[in-house]
Amino acid sequence: MPPIEIPMCDVCDVSRATAGGLSCGHRFCPDCFKRYISGSIRELDTSLRCCVCGAISDLIQEMGEGRPLVTFGRLTERKLLQPMGLARVDNGDYVIVDSDTKRVMILTGSGTLREDFAYTYGTEPGGGVSVTAQGHVAIPNRDNTYDGVGYYTPGGAFIGSAFIQSEERRPDIRGVVCDKVKDVLYLTDANNSSIIAINNADRGQCNRIRLERIRYEVDPIPWGITLSPEGDLYVTDVANHCVKVYSTCGQFRRKFGSYGERPSQYKRPTGVSLTAAGHVIVADRGNQRVQHVTNDGAFLSYVVRFRAGYDVYMAPDDVIASPDGTISVLMTSLQHTKVGGVRVYKL
């Protein structure tokens, strides 16, 4: 079989065009894409401009009938650049952490900015954000010497932190959910195949739950996490392309999903949430879609499917199912540009 030829960059004509192309067909190397294409997002907000022909390419396009009820994050006062987590408060407000601006934004359900403050604990946020039983914003953070969770009031006042002890490898927090009955945070540690439980009341009790590898699988990489009313943890495993269910003590219950593109199959699933009916919403990032399945994985519907192709720049990263029947999808960048947004769909 002859080798696959990678086209040359249409700007420098020296480097291979591996960064992705625009809808006009022009291709770019990573350096030229960053230098000449990425900056146009600041002017156009939801599109990119080709530096060769001037054609405009949309950052994202839905397929079929999937159209958002509300979109925000690109045309709002504070633009989302590298969002790392999405949470929703009982009153319908959204909480979003942006690692590029190092700020926390609290927005109304329509996307209007309500509060905006800088996080002061740690220099780099982990993945995810949650709201505790007391209404405090909990943000996983890391610094050169420590990892932990910072707690803030909705107005931005820092009120304390919880330290996360390192294991064999430094923690890499990717998801967080709060059990508001027990007031306990559960965080996924992708580097150490484990879940960390933190008692919010004293912030001193930190337990690590090791997730064992299932036969014929590679070591799990837990990512998104949510909690059912029955007290089970639903966790996406990006390494094994599935969703796993555990007790809060780490006992394995069941799993569903496998690698693939068919309904009920996943490619690198990230975010996960539960509807009021107990069904599961999964951000199927690698397949550019959000799936709606039963709690044992049987396919029900697609919440939304996005156009797949070489010139797609955003993909679903996290999801929140709200009691009003809407699904909020956090979109983050796929290629060499800083862009993020939230799109709300009716289930």
Protein backbone atom coordinates (compact mmCIF):
# COMPACT_ATOMS: atom_id res chain seq x y z
CA MET A 1 0.00 0.00 0.00
CA PRO A 2 1.52 3.37 -0.98
CA PRO A 3 2.07 5.87 1.85
CA ILE A 4 -0.59 8.51 2.42
CA GLU A 5 0.60 11.86 1.14
CA ILE A 6 0.03 14.82 3.46
CA PRO A 7 -0.42 18.08 1.52
CA MET A 8 1.94 20.98 1.98
CA CYS A 9 0.91 24.17 3.79
CA ASP A 10 -0.71 26.68 1.41
CA VAL A 11 1.07 29.59 3.12
CA CYS A 12 4.70 28.63 3.69
CA ASP A 13 4.77 25.72 1.19
CA VAL A 14 7.44 24.12 3.37
CA SER A 15 5.74 22.33 6.27
CA ARG A 16 3.16 19.59 6.09
CA ALA A 17 -0.46 20.72 6.51
CA THR A 18 -1.35 18.78 9.64
CA ALA A 19 -3.29 21.45 11.57
CA GLY A 20 -6.53 21.22 9.65
CA GLY A 21 -8.09 23.14 6.82
CA LEU A 22 -10.94 25.56 6.29
CA SER A 23 -14.12 24.95 4.32
CA CYS A 24 -12.57 26.73 1.33
CA GLY A 25 -10.11 23.85 0.97
CA HIS A 26 -6.87 25.59 1.90
CA ARG A 27 -4.56 23.71 4.27
CA PHE A 28 -2.10 24.93 6.87
CA CYS A 29 0.76 23.76 9.03
CA PRO A 30 0.36 24.31 12.81
CA ASP A 31 2.66 27.37 12.86
CA CYS A 32 0.88 29.16 10.02
CA PHE A 33 -2.53 28.27 11.42
CA LYS A 34 -1.65 29.84 14.78
CA ARG A 35 -0.04 32.87 13.15
CA TYR A 36 -2.52 33.73 10.42
CA ILE A 37 -5.83 31.96 11.16
CA SER A 38 -6.39 31.62 14.92
CA GLY A 39 -6.38 35.37 15.54
CA SER A 40 -9.41 35.95 13.32
CA ILE A 41 -11.64 34.44 16.03
CA ARG A 42 -11.15 37.62 18.06
CA GLU A 43 -12.78 39.64 15.31
CA LEU A 44 -15.37 37.18 14.01
CA ASP A 45 -16.36 35.51 17.32
CA THR A 46 -17.95 32.40 15.80
CA SER A 47 -15.94 31.95 12.59
CA LEU A 48 -12.43 31.81 11.16
CA ARG A 49 -11.14 33.68 8.09
CA CYS A 50 -8.81 32.13 5.54
CA CYS A 51 -5.69 34.25 5.06
CA VAL A 52 -5.32 33.00 1.47
CA CYS A 53 -8.75 33.68 -0.04
CA GLY A 54 -10.70 35.43 2.74
CA ALA A 55 -13.40 32.75 2.95
CA ILE A 56 -15.24 32.37 6.28
CA SER A 57 -15.57 28.98 8.03
CA ASP A 58 -17.99 28.34 10.89
CA LEU A 59 -16.48 26.93 14.06
CA ILE A 60 -19.24 24.37 14.36
CA GLN A 61 -22.31 23.16 12.50
CA GLU A 62 -25.12 20.92 13.72
CA MET A 63 -26.46 18.11 11.57
CA GLY A 64 -30.13 17.42 10.90
CA GLU A 65 -32.74 19.06 13.13
CA GLY A 66 -30.50 19.73 16.12
CA ARG A 67 -30.59 23.47 16.69
CA PRO A 68 -29.74 25.18 19.99
CA LEU A 69 -32.32 27.08 22.01
CA VAL A 70 -29.61 29.31 23.47
CA THR A 71 -25.91 29.81 22.74
CA PHE A 72 -23.42 31.86 24.71
CA GLY A 73 -19.74 32.16 25.41
CA ARG A 74 -18.68 33.73 22.11
CA LEU A 75 -20.88 36.81 21.86
CA THR A 76 -21.13 37.58 25.57
CA GLU A 77 -19.20 40.21 27.54
CA ARG A 78 -16.59 37.68 28.63
CA LYS A 79 -15.65 35.33 25.81
CA LEU A 80 -14.82 31.74 26.67
CA LEU A 81 -11.34 30.78 25.50
CA GLN A 82 -10.38 27.55 27.29
CA PRO A 83 -13.31 26.50 29.48
CA MET A 84 -12.41 23.63 31.82
CA GLY A 85 -15.67 23.00 33.62
CA LEU A 86 -19.41 23.65 33.61
CA ALA A 87 -21.87 23.46 36.50
CA ARG A 88 -25.45 24.61 37.01
CA VAL A 89 -26.91 26.05 40.20
CA ASP A 90 -30.41 25.24 41.46
CA ASN A 91 -31.64 28.69 40.36
CA GLY A 92 -30.61 27.96 36.76
CA ASP A 93 -27.36 29.94 36.72
CA TYR A 94 -24.25 28.50 35.08
CA VAL A 95 -20.77 28.39 36.60
CA ILE A 96 -17.87 28.17 34.14
CA VAL A 97 -14.11 28.10 34.77
CA ASP A 98 -11.80 29.41 32.03
CA SER A 99 -8.16 28.33 32.30
CA ASP A 100 -6.93 30.91 29.78
CA THR A 101 -8.31 33.97 31.55
CA LYS A 102 -7.99 32.29 34.98
CA ARG A 103 -11.46 33.47 35.87
CA VAL A 104 -14.76 32.05 37.06
CA MET A 105 -17.95 33.27 35.41
CA ILE A 106 -21.47 32.95 36.78
CA LEU A 107 -24.08 33.49 34.08
CA THR A 108 -27.85 33.41 33.97
CA GLY A 109 -29.68 30.70 32.05
CA SER A 110 -29.75 32.98 29.00
CA GLY A 111 -26.00 33.63 29.17
CA THR A 112 -26.00 37.09 30.77
CA LEU A 113 -22.96 37.65 32.97
CA ARG A 114 -23.91 37.86 36.66
CA GLU A 115 -20.54 37.50 38.44
CA ASP A 116 -16.95 37.33 37.25
CA PHE A 117 -13.95 36.77 39.50
CA ALA A 118 -10.39 35.47 39.39
CA TYR A 119 -9.53 32.26 41.22
CA THR A 120 -6.65 32.76 43.61
CA TYR A 121 -5.93 29.23 44.85
CA GLY A 122 -3.39 27.60 42.55
CA THR A 123 -2.14 28.79 39.20
CA GLU A 124 -3.91 26.32 36.92
CA PRO A 125 -7.41 24.85 37.20
CA GLY A 126 -8.06 21.16 36.83
CA GLY A 127 -11.05 19.93 34.90
CA GLY A 128 -14.55 20.46 36.23
CA VAL A 129 -16.32 22.72 38.68
CA SER A 130 -19.13 22.10 41.15
CA VAL A 131 -21.35 23.88 43.66
CA THR A 132 -21.52 22.55 47.24
CA ALA A 133 -24.55 22.18 49.49
CA GLN A 134 -23.71 25.58 51.01
CA GLY A 135 -23.64 27.21 47.57
CA HIS A 136 -19.85 27.54 47.45
CA VAL A 137 -18.02 27.16 44.15
CA ALA A 138 -15.49 24.29 44.27
CA ILE A 139 -12.66 24.40 41.72
CA PRO A 140 -9.90 21.77 41.39
CA ASN A 141 -6.56 23.56 41.13
CA ARG A 142 -2.87 22.82 40.92
CA ASP A 143 0.40 24.67 41.45
CA ASN A 144 4.08 23.83 41.18
CA THR A 145 4.07 22.07 44.54
CA TYR A 146 0.51 21.03 45.40
CA ASP A 147 -2.87 19.93 44.09
CA GLY A 148 -6.18 20.66 45.74
CA VAL A 149 -9.65 22.17 45.59
CA GLY A 150 -10.33 25.86 46.19
CA TYR A 151 -13.65 27.02 47.65
CA TYR A 152 -15.19 30.40 46.83
CA THR A 153 -18.37 32.27 47.60
CA PRO A 154 -20.53 33.12 44.55
CA GLY A 155 -19.13 36.63 44.87
CA GLY A 156 -15.54 35.43 44.49
CA ALA A 157 -14.26 35.50 48.08
CA PHE A 158 -11.79 32.67 48.77
CA ILE A 159 -12.89 30.74 51.87
CA GLY A 160 -10.61 27.73 52.05
CA SER A 161 -9.03 24.77 50.32
CA ALA A 162 -8.61 21.01 50.50
CA PHE A 163 -5.26 19.38 49.74
CA ILE A 164 -5.07 16.33 47.46
CA GLN A 165 -2.16 14.03 48.19
CA SER A 166 -0.18 12.72 45.22
CA GLU A 167 0.00 9.01 44.45
CA GLU A 168 2.40 7.28 42.05
CA ARG A 169 1.74 10.06 39.59
CA ARG A 170 0.61 13.59 40.13
CA PRO A 171 -3.20 13.93 40.15
CA ASP A 172 -4.93 15.06 36.97
CA ILE A 173 -8.45 16.07 37.96
CA ARG A 174 -10.88 15.96 35.05
CA GLY A 175 -14.37 15.87 36.53
CA VAL A 176 -16.13 16.80 39.77
CA VAL A 177 -19.61 16.30 41.22
CA CYS A 178 -21.05 17.15 44.63
CA ASP A 179 -23.31 14.90 46.70
CA LYS A 180 -25.36 17.68 48.30
CA VAL A 181 -27.00 15.32 50.80
CA LYS A 182 -23.70 14.15 52.31
CA ASP A 183 -21.86 17.33 51.22
CA VAL A 184 -19.05 15.31 49.65
CA LEU A 185 -17.12 16.11 46.47
CA TYR A 186 -16.18 13.28 44.09
CA LEU A 187 -13.37 13.99 41.65
CA THR A 188 -11.93 11.85 38.85
CA ASP A 189 -8.13 11.49 38.76
CA ALA A 190 -7.20 10.51 35.20
CA ASN A 191 -3.51 9.97 35.99
CA ASN A 192 -4.08 7.50 38.82
CA SER A 193 -7.23 5.64 37.66
CA SER A 194 -9.11 6.67 40.77
CA ILE A 195 -11.88 8.76 42.30
CA ILE A 196 -11.15 11.15 45.16
CA ALA A 197 -13.80 11.89 47.80
CA ILE A 198 -13.52 15.10 49.84
CA ASN A 199 -15.74 16.01 52.79
CA ASN A 200 -16.69 19.65 52.24
CA ALA A 201 -17.52 20.24 55.91
CA ASP A 202 -13.96 19.97 57.24
CA ARG A 203 -12.04 19.77 53.92
CA GLY A 204 -9.58 17.51 55.68
CA GLN A 205 -10.98 14.07 55.00
CA CYS A 206 -9.78 13.05 51.54
CA ASN A 207 -10.27 9.41 50.50
CA ARG A 208 -8.99 7.85 47.30
CA ILE A 209 -11.03 5.12 45.60
CA ARG A 210 -8.93 3.00 43.25
CA LEU A 211 -10.74 1.86 40.09
CA GLU A 212 -9.64 -1.65 39.19
CA ARG A 213 -8.98 -2.66 35.61
CA ILE A 214 -11.63 -4.94 34.16
CA ARG A 215 -10.51 -8.04 32.29
CA TYR A 216 -9.50 -7.43 28.66
CA GLU A 217 -9.32 -3.68 29.23
CA VAL A 218 -6.49 -1.20 29.58
CA ASP A 219 -6.14 0.79 32.80
CA PRO A 220 -9.17 3.10 33.10
CA ILE A 221 -8.84 6.84 32.58
CA PRO A 222 -11.84 8.29 34.44
CA TRP A 223 -13.00 11.64 33.07
CA GLY A 224 -16.56 12.90 33.47
CA ILE A 225 -18.57 12.03 36.57
CA THR A 226 -22.12 12.43 37.85
CA LEU A 227 -24.16 11.09 40.76
CA SER A 228 -27.53 9.31 40.58
CA PRO A 229 -30.31 9.81 43.18
CA GLU A 230 -29.62 6.23 44.31
CA GLY A 231 -26.04 7.16 45.14
CA ASP A 232 -24.25 5.55 42.20
CA LEU A 233 -21.40 7.29 40.38
CA TYR A 234 -21.52 7.31 36.57
CA VAL A 235 -18.01 7.76 35.19
CA THR A 236 -16.82 8.04 31.59
CA ASP A 237 -13.69 6.03 30.78
CA VAL A 238 -11.88 7.66 27.85
CA ALA A 239 -9.32 4.85 27.59
CA ASN A 240 -11.92 2.09 27.17
CA HIS A 241 -14.57 4.24 25.43
CA CYS A 242 -17.41 3.41 27.78
CA VAL A 243 -19.43 4.54 30.80
CA LYS A 244 -18.96 2.72 34.10
CA VAL A 245 -21.15 2.75 37.20
CA TYR A 246 -19.68 2.49 40.71
CA SER A 247 -20.93 2.78 44.25
CA THR A 248 -19.53 5.71 46.22
CA CYS A 249 -17.23 3.17 47.89
CA GLY A 250 -15.77 2.20 44.52
CA GLN A 251 -17.62 -1.09 44.02
CA PHE A 252 -18.07 -1.76 40.31
CA ARG A 253 -21.73 -2.11 39.30
CA ARG A 254 -21.82 -2.32 35.52
CA LYS A 255 -20.57 -0.74 32.31
CA PHE A 256 -22.03 0.04 28.92
CA GLY A 257 -20.70 1.18 25.59
CA SER A 258 -17.74 0.21 23.44
CA TYR A 259 -15.47 1.76 20.84
CA GLY A 260 -17.19 2.66 17.60
CA GLU A 261 -19.42 5.04 15.66
CA ARG A 262 -22.77 3.25 15.92
CA PRO A 263 -25.51 4.26 18.40
CA SER A 264 -24.52 3.34 21.99
CA GLN A 265 -20.86 3.27 20.94
CA TYR A 266 -18.35 5.96 21.84
CA LYS A 267 -15.01 7.46 20.94
CA ARG A 268 -13.37 9.09 23.94
CA PRO A 269 -16.53 10.00 25.91
CA THR A 270 -15.95 12.91 28.27
CA GLY A 271 -18.92 14.53 30.01
CA VAL A 272 -21.86 12.64 31.53
CA SER A 273 -25.11 13.67 33.20
CA LEU A 274 -28.45 12.16 34.27
CA THR A 275 -31.93 13.33 33.32
CA ALA A 276 -34.88 13.55 35.72
CA ALA A 277 -36.12 10.25 34.23
CA GLY A 278 -32.84 8.53 35.12
CA HIS A 279 -31.53 8.36 31.57
CA VAL A 280 -27.90 9.10 30.74
CA ILE A 281 -26.55 11.93 28.58
CA VAL A 282 -23.02 11.35 27.25
CA ALA A 283 -20.71 13.81 25.49
CA ASP A 284 -19.32 11.52 22.77
CA ARG A 285 -16.42 13.83 21.93
CA GLY A 286 -14.59 11.67 19.41
CA ASN A 287 -17.78 11.14 17.40
CA GLN A 288 -18.80 14.82 17.55
CA ARG A 289 -22.19 14.14 19.15
CA VAL A 290 -24.19 13.91 22.38
CA GLN A 291 -26.05 10.66 23.03
CA HIS A 292 -29.17 9.98 25.11
CA VAL A 293 -29.25 6.39 26.46
CA THR A 294 -30.96 4.42 29.22
CA ASN A 295 -29.14 3.75 32.49
CA ASP A 296 -27.98 0.41 31.12
CA GLY A 297 -26.76 1.92 27.84
CA ALA A 298 -29.61 1.21 25.40
CA PHE A 299 -29.73 3.94 22.75
CA LEU A 300 -32.68 6.35 22.85
CA SER A 301 -31.74 9.33 20.68
CA TYR A 302 -29.10 11.84 19.70
CA VAL A 303 -29.40 15.11 21.56
CA VAL A 304 -27.30 16.68 18.80
CA ARG A 305 -24.83 15.62 16.15
CA PHE A 306 -22.20 17.96 14.81
CA ARG A 307 -20.74 17.92 11.35
CA ALA A 308 -17.60 15.81 11.29
CA GLY A 309 -14.80 16.82 8.98
CA TYR A 310 -11.35 18.22 8.60
CA ASP A 311 -12.43 21.79 9.26
CA VAL A 312 -14.32 21.25 12.54
CA TYR A 313 -12.86 23.28 15.40
CA MET A 314 -15.08 22.55 18.41
CA ALA A 315 -16.43 19.39 20.05
CA PRO A 316 -18.68 18.56 23.03
CA ASP A 317 -16.70 18.27 26.25
CA ASP A 318 -19.23 18.36 29.10
CA VAL A 319 -23.00 18.08 29.47
CA ILE A 320 -25.63 19.02 32.04
CA ALA A 321 -29.18 17.67 32.01
CA SER A 322 -31.56 20.13 33.71
CA PRO A 323 -34.98 19.41 35.28
CA ASP A 324 -36.67 21.55 32.60
CA GLY A 325 -35.71 19.00 29.94
CA THR A 326 -32.86 20.97 28.42
CA ILE A 327 -29.33 19.70 27.82
CA SER A 328 -26.47 22.19 28.17
CA VAL A 329 -23.37 21.27 26.16
CA LEU A 330 -19.96 22.78 26.85
CA MET A 331 -18.00 23.06 23.59
CA THR A 332 -14.21 23.29 23.61
CA SER A 333 -11.60 23.62 20.88
CA LEU A 334 -10.20 20.73 18.89
CA GLN A 335 -7.43 22.44 16.95
CA HIS A 336 -4.99 25.30 17.27
CA THR A 337 -7.34 28.05 18.42
CA LYS A 338 -8.66 29.26 21.77
CA VAL A 339 -12.43 29.05 21.68
CA GLY A 340 -15.26 27.72 23.81
CA GLY A 341 -19.00 28.08 24.22
CA VAL A 342 -22.22 26.67 25.65
CA ARG A 343 -25.13 25.46 23.53
CA VAL A 344 -28.49 24.51 25.07
CA TYR A 345 -30.76 21.95 23.39
CA LYS A 346 -34.22 20.58 24.08
CA LEU A 347 -34.18 16.84 24.77
